[in-house]
Amino acid sequence: VWMRFLTMGYGFQPANTWLQDDPVILNGTMDLQGPNYCLAKTLQQWRC
């Protein structure tokens, strides 16, 4: 709570993790890097 106050709500937020799933899924997408970055890196993961 204190850390989020110091960073005006931008920092130290809990990870968006879907623990109920098997396997566990982490949603690490960030507004900071934008949709183009997320789409490009996801394309690369799918190619793998």
ModelCIF file with pLDDT and N, C-alpha, C, O atoms, coordinates in Angstrom:
data_MODEL
#
_entry.id   MODEL 
#
_entity.id                         1 
_entity.type                       polymer 
_entity.pdbx_number_of_molecules   1 
#
_entity_poly.entity_id                      1 
_entity_poly.type                           'polypeptide(L)' 
_entity_poly.nstd_linkage                   no 
_entity_poly.nstd_monomer                   no 
_entity_poly.pdbx_seq_one_letter_code       VWMRFLTMGYGFQPANTWLQDDPVILNGTMDLQGPNYCLAKTLQQWRC 
_entity_poly.pdbx_seq_one_letter_code_can   VWMRFLTMGYGFQPANTWLQDDPVILNGTMDLQGPNYCLAKTLQQWRC 
_entity_poly.pdbx_strand_id                 A 
#
loop_
_entity_poly_seq.entity_id 
_entity_poly_seq.num 
_entity_poly_seq.mon_id 
_entity_poly_seq.hetero 
1 1  VAL n 
1 2  TRP n 
1 3  MET n 
1 4  ARG n 
1 5  PHE n 
1 6  LEU n 
1 7  THR n 
1 8  MET n 
1 9  GLY n 
1 10 TYR n 
1 11 GLY n 
1 12 PHE n 
1 13 GLN n 
1 14 PRO n 
1 15 ALA n 
1 16 ASN n 
1 17 THR n 
1 18 TRP n 
1 19 LEU n 
1 20 GLN n 
1 21 ASP n 
1 22 ASP n 
1 23 PRO n 
1 24 VAL n 
1 25 ILE n 
1 26 LEU n 
1 27 ASN n 
1 28 GLY n 
1 29 THR n 
1 30 MET n 
1 31 ASP n 
1 32 LEU n 
1 33 GLN n 
1 34 GLY n 
1 35 PRO n 
1 36 ASN n 
1 37 TYR n 
1 38 CYS n 
1 39 LEU n 
1 40 ALA n 
1 41 LYS n 
1 42 THR n 
1 43 LEU n 
1 44 GLN n 
1 45 GLN n 
1 46 TRP n 
1 47 ARG n 
1 48 CYS n 
#
_struct_asym.id          A 
_struct_asym.entity_id   1 
#
loop_
_ma_qa_metric.id 
_ma_qa_metric.mode 
_ma_qa_metric.name 
_ma_qa_metric.software_group_id 
_ma_qa_metric.type 
1 global pLDDT . pLDDT 
2 local  pLDDT . pLDDT 
#
_ma_qa_metric_global.metric_id      1 
_ma_qa_metric_global.metric_value   81.12 
_ma_qa_metric_global.model_id       1 
_ma_qa_metric_global.ordinal_id     1 
#
loop_
_ma_qa_metric_local.label_asym_id 
_ma_qa_metric_local.label_comp_id 
_ma_qa_metric_local.label_seq_id 
_ma_qa_metric_local.metric_id 
_ma_qa_metric_local.metric_value 
_ma_qa_metric_local.model_id 
_ma_qa_metric_local.ordinal_id 
A VAL 1  2 68.00 1 1  
A TRP 2  2 70.00 1 2  
A MET 3  2 70.00 1 3  
A ARG 4  2 67.00 1 4  
A PHE 5  2 71.00 1 5  
A LEU 6  2 75.00 1 6  
A THR 7  2 70.00 1 7  
A MET 8  2 69.00 1 8  
A GLY 9  2 63.00 1 9  
A TYR 10 2 63.00 1 10 
A GLY 11 2 65.00 1 11 
A PHE 12 2 64.00 1 12 
A GLN 13 2 67.00 1 13 
A PRO 14 2 68.00 1 14 
A ALA 15 2 70.00 1 15 
A ASN 16 2 77.00 1 16 
A THR 17 2 77.00 1 17 
A TRP 18 2 74.00 1 18 
A LEU 19 2 73.00 1 19 
A GLN 20 2 79.00 1 20 
A ASP 21 2 79.00 1 21 
A ASP 22 2 84.00 1 22 
A PRO 23 2 87.00 1 23 
A VAL 24 2 89.00 1 24 
A ILE 25 2 89.00 1 25 
A LEU 26 2 88.00 1 26 
A ASN 27 2 88.00 1 27 
A GLY 28 2 85.00 1 28 
A THR 29 2 86.00 1 29 
A MET 30 2 80.00 1 30 
A ASP 31 2 78.00 1 31 
A LEU 32 2 80.00 1 32 
A GLN 33 2 83.00 1 33 
A GLY 34 2 87.00 1 34 
A PRO 35 2 91.00 1 35 
A ASN 36 2 95.00 1 36 
A TYR 37 2 94.00 1 37 
A CYS 38 2 92.00 1 38 
A LEU 39 2 95.00 1 39 
A ALA 40 2 96.00 1 40 
A LYS 41 2 95.00 1 41 
A THR 42 2 94.00 1 42 
A LEU 43 2 95.00 1 43 
A GLN 44 2 95.00 1 44 
A GLN 45 2 92.00 1 45 
A TRP 46 2 92.00 1 46 
A ARG 47 2 94.00 1 47 
A CYS 48 2 91.00 1 48 
#
loop_
_atom_site.group_PDB 
_atom_site.id 
_atom_site.type_symbol 
_atom_site.label_atom_id 
_atom_site.label_alt_id 
_atom_site.label_comp_id 
_atom_site.label_asym_id 
_atom_site.label_entity_id 
_atom_site.label_seq_id 
_atom_site.pdbx_PDB_ins_code 
_atom_site.Cartn_x 
_atom_site.Cartn_y 
_atom_site.Cartn_z 
_atom_site.occupancy 
_atom_site.B_iso_or_equiv 
_atom_site.pdbx_formal_charge 
_atom_site.auth_seq_id 
_atom_site.auth_comp_id 
_atom_site.auth_asym_id 
_atom_site.auth_atom_id 
_atom_site.pdbx_PDB_model_num 
ATOM 1   N N  . VAL A 1 1  ? 0.836  -1.204  0.000   1.00 68.00 ? 1  VAL A N  1 
ATOM 2   C CA . VAL A 1 1  ? 0.000  0.000   0.000   1.00 68.00 ? 1  VAL A CA 1 
ATOM 3   C C  . VAL A 1 1  ? 0.868  1.250   0.000   1.00 68.00 ? 1  VAL A C  1 
ATOM 4   O O  . VAL A 1 1  ? 0.615  2.190   -0.753  1.00 68.00 ? 1  VAL A O  1 
ATOM 5   N N  . TRP A 1 2  ? 1.893  1.255   0.850   1.00 70.00 ? 2  TRP A N  1 
ATOM 6   C CA . TRP A 1 2  ? 2.794  2.400   0.945   1.00 70.00 ? 2  TRP A CA 1 
ATOM 7   C C  . TRP A 1 2  ? 3.565  2.607   -0.356  1.00 70.00 ? 2  TRP A C  1 
ATOM 8   O O  . TRP A 1 2  ? 3.711  3.735   -0.826  1.00 70.00 ? 2  TRP A O  1 
ATOM 9   N N  . MET A 1 3  ? 4.059  1.508   -0.935  1.00 70.00 ? 3  MET A N  1 
ATOM 10  C CA . MET A 1 3  ? 4.821  1.609   -2.186  1.00 70.00 ? 3  MET A CA 1 
ATOM 11  C C  . MET A 1 3  ? 3.940  2.090   -3.329  1.00 70.00 ? 3  MET A C  1 
ATOM 12  O O  . MET A 1 3  ? 4.398  2.872   -4.162  1.00 70.00 ? 3  MET A O  1 
ATOM 13  N N  . ARG A 1 4  ? 2.705  1.651   -3.391  1.00 67.00 ? 4  ARG A N  1 
ATOM 14  C CA . ARG A 1 4  ? 1.799  2.101   -4.449  1.00 67.00 ? 4  ARG A CA 1 
ATOM 15  C C  . ARG A 1 4  ? 1.477  3.579   -4.293  1.00 67.00 ? 4  ARG A C  1 
ATOM 16  O O  . ARG A 1 4  ? 1.293  4.287   -5.284  1.00 67.00 ? 4  ARG A O  1 
ATOM 17  N N  . PHE A 1 5  ? 1.407  4.049   -3.040  1.00 71.00 ? 5  PHE A N  1 
ATOM 18  C CA . PHE A 1 5  ? 1.161  5.465   -2.789  1.00 71.00 ? 5  PHE A CA 1 
ATOM 19  C C  . PHE A 1 5  ? 2.333  6.297   -3.303  1.00 71.00 ? 5  PHE A C  1 
ATOM 20  O O  . PHE A 1 5  ? 2.128  7.331   -3.939  1.00 71.00 ? 5  PHE A O  1 
ATOM 21  N N  . LEU A 1 6  ? 3.554  5.853   -3.033  1.00 75.00 ? 6  LEU A N  1 
ATOM 22  C CA . LEU A 1 6  ? 4.750  6.583   -3.453  1.00 75.00 ? 6  LEU A CA 1 
ATOM 23  C C  . LEU A 1 6  ? 4.872  6.646   -4.975  1.00 75.00 ? 6  LEU A C  1 
ATOM 24  O O  . LEU A 1 6  ? 5.392  7.619   -5.520  1.00 75.00 ? 6  LEU A O  1 
ATOM 25  N N  . THR A 1 7  ? 4.393  5.608   -5.656  1.00 70.00 ? 7  THR A N  1 
ATOM 26  C CA . THR A 1 7  ? 4.500  5.570   -7.123  1.00 70.00 ? 7  THR A CA 1 
ATOM 27  C C  . THR A 1 7  ? 3.204  5.995   -7.797  1.00 70.00 ? 7  THR A C  1 
ATOM 28  O O  . THR A 1 7  ? 3.023  5.764   -8.992  1.00 70.00 ? 7  THR A O  1 
ATOM 29  N N  . MET A 1 8  ? 2.304  6.613   -7.044  1.00 69.00 ? 8  MET A N  1 
ATOM 30  C CA . MET A 1 8  ? 1.024  7.116   -7.554  1.00 69.00 ? 8  MET A CA 1 
ATOM 31  C C  . MET A 1 8  ? 0.211  6.017   -8.251  1.00 69.00 ? 8  MET A C  1 
ATOM 32  O O  . MET A 1 8  ? -0.486 6.271   -9.234  1.00 69.00 ? 8  MET A O  1 
ATOM 33  N N  . GLY A 1 9  ? 0.314  4.800   -7.724  1.00 63.00 ? 9  GLY A N  1 
ATOM 34  C CA . GLY A 1 9  ? -0.489 3.704   -8.232  1.00 63.00 ? 9  GLY A CA 1 
ATOM 35  C C  . GLY A 1 9  ? 0.099  2.967   -9.409  1.00 63.00 ? 9  GLY A C  1 
ATOM 36  O O  . GLY A 1 9  ? -0.479 1.981   -9.867  1.00 63.00 ? 9  GLY A O  1 
ATOM 37  N N  . TYR A 1 10 ? 1.283  3.436   -9.934  1.00 63.00 ? 10 TYR A N  1 
ATOM 38  C CA . TYR A 1 10 ? 1.857  2.800   -11.118 1.00 63.00 ? 10 TYR A CA 1 
ATOM 39  C C  . TYR A 1 10 ? 2.782  1.639   -10.783 1.00 63.00 ? 10 TYR A C  1 
ATOM 40  O O  . TYR A 1 10 ? 3.009  0.761   -11.616 1.00 63.00 ? 10 TYR A O  1 
ATOM 41  N N  . GLY A 1 11 ? 3.310  1.634   -9.575  1.00 65.00 ? 11 GLY A N  1 
ATOM 42  C CA . GLY A 1 11 ? 4.276  0.602   -9.237  1.00 65.00 ? 11 GLY A CA 1 
ATOM 43  C C  . GLY A 1 11 ? 3.784  -0.348  -8.179  1.00 65.00 ? 11 GLY A C  1 
ATOM 44  O O  . GLY A 1 11 ? 2.824  -0.065  -7.462  1.00 65.00 ? 11 GLY A O  1 
ATOM 45  N N  . PHE A 1 12 ? 4.451  -1.479  -8.090  1.00 64.00 ? 12 PHE A N  1 
ATOM 46  C CA . PHE A 1 12 ? 4.230  -2.456  -7.038  1.00 64.00 ? 12 PHE A CA 1 
ATOM 47  C C  . PHE A 1 12 ? 2.790  -2.950  -7.009  1.00 64.00 ? 12 PHE A C  1 
ATOM 48  O O  . PHE A 1 12 ? 2.163  -2.993  -5.950  1.00 64.00 ? 12 PHE A O  1 
ATOM 49  N N  . GLN A 1 13 ? 2.281  -3.314  -8.146  1.00 67.00 ? 13 GLN A N  1 
ATOM 50  C CA . GLN A 1 13 ? 0.948  -3.893  -8.221  1.00 67.00 ? 13 GLN A CA 1 
ATOM 51  C C  . GLN A 1 13 ? 1.060  -5.414  -8.288  1.00 67.00 ? 13 GLN A C  1 
ATOM 52  O O  . GLN A 1 13 ? 2.052  -5.940  -8.793  1.00 67.00 ? 13 GLN A O  1 
ATOM 53  N N  . PRO A 1 14 ? 0.050  -6.124  -7.782  1.00 68.00 ? 14 PRO A N  1 
ATOM 54  C CA . PRO A 1 14 ? 0.128  -7.595  -7.817  1.00 68.00 ? 14 PRO A CA 1 
ATOM 55  C C  . PRO A 1 14 ? 0.095  -8.111  -9.241  1.00 68.00 ? 14 PRO A C  1 
ATOM 56  O O  . PRO A 1 14 ? -0.551 -7.525  -10.110 1.00 68.00 ? 14 PRO A O  1 
ATOM 57  N N  . ALA A 1 15 ? 0.794  -9.212  -9.476  1.00 70.00 ? 15 ALA A N  1 
ATOM 58  C CA . ALA A 1 15 ? 0.783  -9.835  -10.797 1.00 70.00 ? 15 ALA A CA 1 
ATOM 59  C C  . ALA A 1 15 ? -0.614 -10.358 -11.118 1.00 70.00 ? 15 ALA A C  1 
ATOM 60  O O  . ALA A 1 15 ? -1.303 -10.893 -10.249 1.00 70.00 ? 15 ALA A O  1 
ATOM 61  N N  . ASN A 1 16 ? -1.018 -10.198 -12.364 1.00 77.00 ? 16 ASN A N  1 
ATOM 62  C CA . ASN A 1 16 ? -2.317 -10.706 -12.796 1.00 77.00 ? 16 ASN A CA 1 
ATOM 63  C C  . ASN A 1 16 ? -2.150 -12.188 -13.151 1.00 77.00 ? 16 ASN A C  1 
ATOM 64  O O  . ASN A 1 16 ? -1.963 -12.545 -14.314 1.00 77.00 ? 16 ASN A O  1 
ATOM 65  N N  . THR A 1 17 ? -2.221 -13.020 -12.148 1.00 77.00 ? 17 THR A N  1 
ATOM 66  C CA . THR A 1 17 ? -1.968 -14.454 -12.308 1.00 77.00 ? 17 THR A CA 1 
ATOM 67  C C  . THR A 1 17 ? -3.259 -15.237 -12.104 1.00 77.00 ? 17 THR A C  1 
ATOM 68  O O  . THR A 1 17 ? -3.984 -15.019 -11.133 1.00 77.00 ? 17 THR A O  1 
ATOM 69  N N  . TRP A 1 18 ? -3.536 -16.144 -13.022 1.00 74.00 ? 18 TRP A N  1 
ATOM 70  C CA . TRP A 1 18 ? -4.748 -16.950 -12.966 1.00 74.00 ? 18 TRP A CA 1 
ATOM 71  C C  . TRP A 1 18 ? -4.426 -18.295 -12.324 1.00 74.00 ? 18 TRP A C  1 
ATOM 72  O O  . TRP A 1 18 ? -4.167 -19.283 -13.012 1.00 74.00 ? 18 TRP A O  1 
ATOM 73  N N  . LEU A 1 19 ? -4.447 -18.313 -10.982 1.00 73.00 ? 19 LEU A N  1 
ATOM 74  C CA . LEU A 1 19 ? -4.043 -19.498 -10.225 1.00 73.00 ? 19 LEU A CA 1 
ATOM 75  C C  . LEU A 1 19 ? -5.005 -20.660 -10.398 1.00 73.00 ? 19 LEU A C  1 
ATOM 76  O O  . LEU A 1 19 ? -4.625 -21.816 -10.214 1.00 73.00 ? 19 LEU A O  1 
ATOM 77  N N  . GLN A 1 20 ? -6.259 -20.356 -10.756 1.00 79.00 ? 20 GLN A N  1 
ATOM 78  C CA . GLN A 1 20 ? -7.235 -21.432 -10.868 1.00 79.00 ? 20 GLN A CA 1 
ATOM 79  C C  . GLN A 1 20 ? -7.003 -22.284 -12.110 1.00 79.00 ? 20 GLN A C  1 
ATOM 80  O O  . GLN A 1 20 ? -7.566 -23.372 -12.226 1.00 79.00 ? 20 GLN A O  1 
ATOM 81  N N  . ASP A 1 21 ? -6.192 -21.809 -13.028 1.00 79.00 ? 21 ASP A N  1 
ATOM 82  C CA . ASP A 1 21 ? -5.935 -22.550 -14.259 1.00 79.00 ? 21 ASP A CA 1 
ATOM 83  C C  . ASP A 1 21 ? -4.847 -23.589 -14.061 1.00 79.00 ? 21 ASP A C  1 
ATOM 84  O O  . ASP A 1 21 ? -4.038 -23.496 -13.137 1.00 79.00 ? 21 ASP A O  1 
ATOM 85  N N  . ASP A 1 22 ? -4.839 -24.568 -14.929 1.00 84.00 ? 22 ASP A N  1 
ATOM 86  C CA . ASP A 1 22 ? -3.802 -25.580 -14.929 1.00 84.00 ? 22 ASP A CA 1 
ATOM 87  C C  . ASP A 1 22 ? -3.359 -25.797 -16.372 1.00 84.00 ? 22 ASP A C  1 
ATOM 88  O O  . ASP A 1 22 ? -4.103 -26.402 -17.143 1.00 84.00 ? 22 ASP A O  1 
ATOM 89  N N  . PRO A 1 23 ? -2.189 -25.334 -16.762 1.00 87.00 ? 23 PRO A N  1 
ATOM 90  C CA . PRO A 1 23 ? -1.158 -24.711 -15.928 1.00 87.00 ? 23 PRO A CA 1 
ATOM 91  C C  . PRO A 1 23 ? -1.502 -23.278 -15.525 1.00 87.00 ? 23 PRO A C  1 
ATOM 92  O O  . PRO A 1 23 ? -2.439 -22.678 -16.052 1.00 87.00 ? 23 PRO A O  1 
ATOM 93  N N  . VAL A 1 24 ? -0.737 -22.751 -14.592 1.00 89.00 ? 24 VAL A N  1 
ATOM 94  C CA . VAL A 1 24 ? -0.950 -21.377 -14.117 1.00 89.00 ? 24 VAL A CA 1 
ATOM 95  C C  . VAL A 1 24 ? -0.563 -20.398 -15.228 1.00 89.00 ? 24 VAL A C  1 
ATOM 96  O O  . VAL A 1 24 ? 0.475  -20.554 -15.872 1.00 89.00 ? 24 VAL A O  1 
ATOM 97  N N  . ILE A 1 25 ? -1.405 -19.395 -15.442 1.00 89.00 ? 25 ILE A N  1 
ATOM 98  C CA . ILE A 1 25 ? -1.173 -18.424 -16.509 1.00 89.00 ? 25 ILE A CA 1 
ATOM 99  C C  . ILE A 1 25 ? -0.907 -17.050 -15.900 1.00 89.00 ? 25 ILE A C  1 
ATOM 100 O O  . ILE A 1 25 ? -1.641 -16.590 -15.026 1.00 89.00 ? 25 ILE A O  1 
ATOM 101 N N  . LEU A 1 26 ? 0.149  -16.410 -16.375 1.00 88.00 ? 26 LEU A N  1 
ATOM 102 C CA . LEU A 1 26 ? 0.478  -15.052 -15.944 1.00 88.00 ? 26 LEU A CA 1 
ATOM 103 C C  . LEU A 1 26 ? 0.197  -14.079 -17.082 1.00 88.00 ? 26 LEU A C  1 
ATOM 104 O O  . LEU A 1 26 ? 0.721  -14.240 -18.184 1.00 88.00 ? 26 LEU A O  1 
ATOM 105 N N  . ASN A 1 27 ? -0.618 -13.082 -16.821 1.00 88.00 ? 27 ASN A N  1 
ATOM 106 C CA . ASN A 1 27 ? -0.865 -12.021 -17.797 1.00 88.00 ? 27 ASN A CA 1 
ATOM 107 C C  . ASN A 1 27 ? 0.122  -10.888 -17.521 1.00 88.00 ? 27 ASN A C  1 
ATOM 108 O O  . ASN A 1 27 ? -0.099 -10.060 -16.636 1.00 88.00 ? 27 ASN A O  1 
ATOM 109 N N  . GLY A 1 28 ? 1.202  -10.862 -18.281 1.00 85.00 ? 28 GLY A N  1 
ATOM 110 C CA . GLY A 1 28 ? 2.242  -9.861  -18.061 1.00 85.00 ? 28 GLY A CA 1 
ATOM 111 C C  . GLY A 1 28 ? 2.155  -8.649  -18.973 1.00 85.00 ? 28 GLY A C  1 
ATOM 112 O O  . GLY A 1 28 ? 3.073  -7.829  -18.995 1.00 85.00 ? 28 GLY A O  1 
ATOM 113 N N  . THR A 1 29 ? 1.056  -8.520  -19.734 1.00 86.00 ? 29 THR A N  1 
ATOM 114 C CA . THR A 1 29 ? 0.950  -7.404  -20.681 1.00 86.00 ? 29 THR A CA 1 
ATOM 115 C C  . THR A 1 29 ? 0.992  -6.066  -19.944 1.00 86.00 ? 29 THR A C  1 
ATOM 116 O O  . THR A 1 29 ? 0.467  -5.925  -18.839 1.00 86.00 ? 29 THR A O  1 
ATOM 117 N N  . MET A 1 30 ? 1.633  -5.089  -20.588 1.00 80.00 ? 30 MET A N  1 
ATOM 118 C CA . MET A 1 30 ? 1.839  -3.779  -19.975 1.00 80.00 ? 30 MET A CA 1 
ATOM 119 C C  . MET A 1 30 ? 1.418  -2.670  -20.925 1.00 80.00 ? 30 MET A C  1 
ATOM 120 O O  . MET A 1 30 ? 1.738  -2.707  -22.113 1.00 80.00 ? 30 MET A O  1 
ATOM 121 N N  . ASP A 1 31 ? 0.696  -1.679  -20.399 1.00 78.00 ? 31 ASP A N  1 
ATOM 122 C CA . ASP A 1 31 ? 0.347  -0.504  -21.203 1.00 78.00 ? 31 ASP A CA 1 
ATOM 123 C C  . ASP A 1 31 ? 1.594  0.248   -21.656 1.00 78.00 ? 31 ASP A C  1 
ATOM 124 O O  . ASP A 1 31 ? 1.600  0.869   -22.718 1.00 78.00 ? 31 ASP A O  1 
ATOM 125 N N  . LEU A 1 32 ? 2.649  0.189   -20.848 1.00 80.00 ? 32 LEU A N  1 
ATOM 126 C CA . LEU A 1 32 ? 3.866  0.954   -21.111 1.00 80.00 ? 32 LEU A CA 1 
ATOM 127 C C  . LEU A 1 32 ? 4.466  0.643   -22.478 1.00 80.00 ? 32 LEU A C  1 
ATOM 128 O O  . LEU A 1 32 ? 4.939  1.546   -23.167 1.00 80.00 ? 32 LEU A O  1 
ATOM 129 N N  . GLN A 1 33 ? 4.448  -0.631  -22.876 1.00 83.00 ? 33 GLN A N  1 
ATOM 130 C CA . GLN A 1 33 ? 5.070  -1.025  -24.138 1.00 83.00 ? 33 GLN A CA 1 
ATOM 131 C C  . GLN A 1 33 ? 4.084  -1.084  -25.296 1.00 83.00 ? 33 GLN A C  1 
ATOM 132 O O  . GLN A 1 33 ? 4.499  -1.180  -26.451 1.00 83.00 ? 33 GLN A O  1 
ATOM 133 N N  . GLY A 1 34 ? 2.808  -1.029  -25.015 1.00 87.00 ? 34 GLY A N  1 
ATOM 134 C CA . GLY A 1 34 ? 1.822  -0.890  -26.072 1.00 87.00 ? 34 GLY A CA 1 
ATOM 135 C C  . GLY A 1 34 ? 1.449  -2.181  -26.770 1.00 87.00 ? 34 GLY A C  1 
ATOM 136 O O  . GLY A 1 34 ? 2.110  -3.205  -26.596 1.00 87.00 ? 34 GLY A O  1 
ATOM 137 N N  . PRO A 1 35 ? 0.371  -2.128  -27.576 1.00 91.00 ? 35 PRO A N  1 
ATOM 138 C CA . PRO A 1 35 ? -0.164 -3.328  -28.222 1.00 91.00 ? 35 PRO A CA 1 
ATOM 139 C C  . PRO A 1 35 ? 0.733  -3.878  -29.331 1.00 91.00 ? 35 PRO A C  1 
ATOM 140 O O  . PRO A 1 35 ? 0.756  -5.088  -29.558 1.00 91.00 ? 35 PRO A O  1 
ATOM 141 N N  . ASN A 1 36 ? 1.473  -3.007  -30.026 1.00 95.00 ? 36 ASN A N  1 
ATOM 142 C CA . ASN A 1 36 ? 2.335  -3.497  -31.102 1.00 95.00 ? 36 ASN A CA 1 
ATOM 143 C C  . ASN A 1 36 ? 3.419  -4.429  -30.570 1.00 95.00 ? 36 ASN A C  1 
ATOM 144 O O  . ASN A 1 36 ? 3.695  -5.478  -31.151 1.00 95.00 ? 36 ASN A O  1 
ATOM 145 N N  . TYR A 1 37 ? 4.024  -4.028  -29.461 1.00 94.00 ? 37 TYR A N  1 
ATOM 146 C CA . TYR A 1 37 ? 5.063  -4.855  -28.850 1.00 94.00 ? 37 TYR A CA 1 
ATOM 147 C C  . TYR A 1 37 ? 4.485  -6.204  -28.405 1.00 94.00 ? 37 TYR A C  1 
ATOM 148 O O  . TYR A 1 37 ? 5.067  -7.258  -28.665 1.00 94.00 ? 37 TYR A O  1 
ATOM 149 N N  . CYS A 1 38 ? 3.337  -6.151  -27.735 1.00 92.00 ? 38 CYS A N  1 
ATOM 150 C CA . CYS A 1 38 ? 2.711  -7.384  -27.238 1.00 92.00 ? 38 CYS A CA 1 
ATOM 151 C C  . CYS A 1 38 ? 2.356  -8.323  -28.388 1.00 92.00 ? 38 CYS A C  1 
ATOM 152 O O  . CYS A 1 38 ? 2.593  -9.528  -28.307 1.00 92.00 ? 38 CYS A O  1 
ATOM 153 N N  . LEU A 1 39 ? 1.789  -7.771  -29.454 1.00 95.00 ? 39 LEU A N  1 
ATOM 154 C CA . LEU A 1 39 ? 1.412  -8.599  -30.606 1.00 95.00 ? 39 LEU A CA 1 
ATOM 155 C C  . LEU A 1 39 ? 2.642  -9.238  -31.248 1.00 95.00 ? 39 LEU A C  1 
ATOM 156 O O  . LEU A 1 39 ? 2.635  -10.429 -31.560 1.00 95.00 ? 39 LEU A O  1 
ATOM 157 N N  . ALA A 1 40 ? 3.697  -8.445  -31.445 1.00 96.00 ? 40 ALA A N  1 
ATOM 158 C CA . ALA A 1 40 ? 4.905  -8.965  -32.092 1.00 96.00 ? 40 ALA A CA 1 
ATOM 159 C C  . ALA A 1 40 ? 5.546  -10.082 -31.269 1.00 96.00 ? 40 ALA A C  1 
ATOM 160 O O  . ALA A 1 40 ? 5.910  -11.121 -31.819 1.00 96.00 ? 40 ALA A O  1 
ATOM 161 N N  . LYS A 1 41 ? 5.689  -9.881  -29.958 1.00 95.00 ? 41 LYS A N  1 
ATOM 162 C CA . LYS A 1 41 ? 6.313  -10.898 -29.121 1.00 95.00 ? 41 LYS A CA 1 
ATOM 163 C C  . LYS A 1 41 ? 5.439  -12.145 -28.989 1.00 95.00 ? 41 LYS A C  1 
ATOM 164 O O  . LYS A 1 41 ? 5.952  -13.257 -28.868 1.00 95.00 ? 41 LYS A O  1 
ATOM 165 N N  . THR A 1 42 ? 4.112  -11.954 -29.012 1.00 94.00 ? 42 THR A N  1 
ATOM 166 C CA . THR A 1 42 ? 3.214  -13.118 -28.964 1.00 94.00 ? 42 THR A CA 1 
ATOM 167 C C  . THR A 1 42 ? 3.321  -13.927 -30.254 1.00 94.00 ? 42 THR A C  1 
ATOM 168 O O  . THR A 1 42 ? 3.297  -15.157 -30.216 1.00 94.00 ? 42 THR A O  1 
ATOM 169 N N  . LEU A 1 43 ? 3.438  -13.251 -31.390 1.00 95.00 ? 43 LEU A N  1 
ATOM 170 C CA . LEU A 1 43 ? 3.650  -13.943 -32.666 1.00 95.00 ? 43 LEU A CA 1 
ATOM 171 C C  . LEU A 1 43 ? 4.913  -14.799 -32.598 1.00 95.00 ? 43 LEU A C  1 
ATOM 172 O O  . LEU A 1 43 ? 4.929  -15.932 -33.080 1.00 95.00 ? 43 LEU A O  1 
ATOM 173 N N  . GLN A 1 44 ? 5.963  -14.253 -32.001 1.00 95.00 ? 44 GLN A N  1 
ATOM 174 C CA . GLN A 1 44 ? 7.217  -14.992 -31.904 1.00 95.00 ? 44 GLN A CA 1 
ATOM 175 C C  . GLN A 1 44 ? 7.069  -16.216 -30.996 1.00 95.00 ? 44 GLN A C  1 
ATOM 176 O O  . GLN A 1 44 ? 7.596  -17.286 -31.302 1.00 95.00 ? 44 GLN A O  1 
ATOM 177 N N  . GLN A 1 45 ? 6.358  -16.058 -29.892 1.00 92.00 ? 45 GLN A N  1 
ATOM 178 C CA . GLN A 1 45 ? 6.130  -17.203 -29.004 1.00 92.00 ? 45 GLN A CA 1 
ATOM 179 C C  . GLN A 1 45 ? 5.357  -18.312 -29.714 1.00 92.00 ? 45 GLN A C  1 
ATOM 180 O O  . GLN A 1 45 ? 5.681  -19.491 -29.575 1.00 92.00 ? 45 GLN A O  1 
ATOM 181 N N  . TRP A 1 46 ? 4.328  -17.922 -30.480 1.00 92.00 ? 46 TRP A N  1 
ATOM 182 C CA . TRP A 1 46 ? 3.534  -18.923 -31.189 1.00 92.00 ? 46 TRP A CA 1 
ATOM 183 C C  . TRP A 1 46 ? 4.356  -19.641 -32.246 1.00 92.00 ? 46 TRP A C  1 
ATOM 184 O O  . TRP A 1 46 ? 4.178  -20.841 -32.454 1.00 92.00 ? 46 TRP A O  1 
ATOM 185 N N  . ARG A 1 47 ? 5.260  -18.923 -32.922 1.00 94.00 ? 47 ARG A N  1 
ATOM 186 C CA . ARG A 1 47 ? 6.117  -19.583 -33.899 1.00 94.00 ? 47 ARG A CA 1 
ATOM 187 C C  . ARG A 1 47 ? 6.970  -20.655 -33.216 1.00 94.00 ? 47 ARG A C  1 
ATOM 188 O O  . ARG A 1 47 ? 7.153  -21.742 -33.763 1.00 94.00 ? 47 ARG A O  1 
ATOM 189 N N  . CYS A 1 48 ? 7.483  -20.357 -32.045 1.00 91.00 ? 48 CYS A N  1 
ATOM 190 C CA . CYS A 1 48 ? 8.265  -21.345 -31.294 1.00 91.00 ? 48 CYS A CA 1 
ATOM 191 C C  . CYS A 1 48 ? 7.438  -22.596 -31.019 1.00 91.00 ? 48 CYS A C  1 
ATOM 192 O O  . CYS A 1 48 ? 7.930  -23.537 -30.397 1.00 91.00 ? 48 CYS A O  1 
#
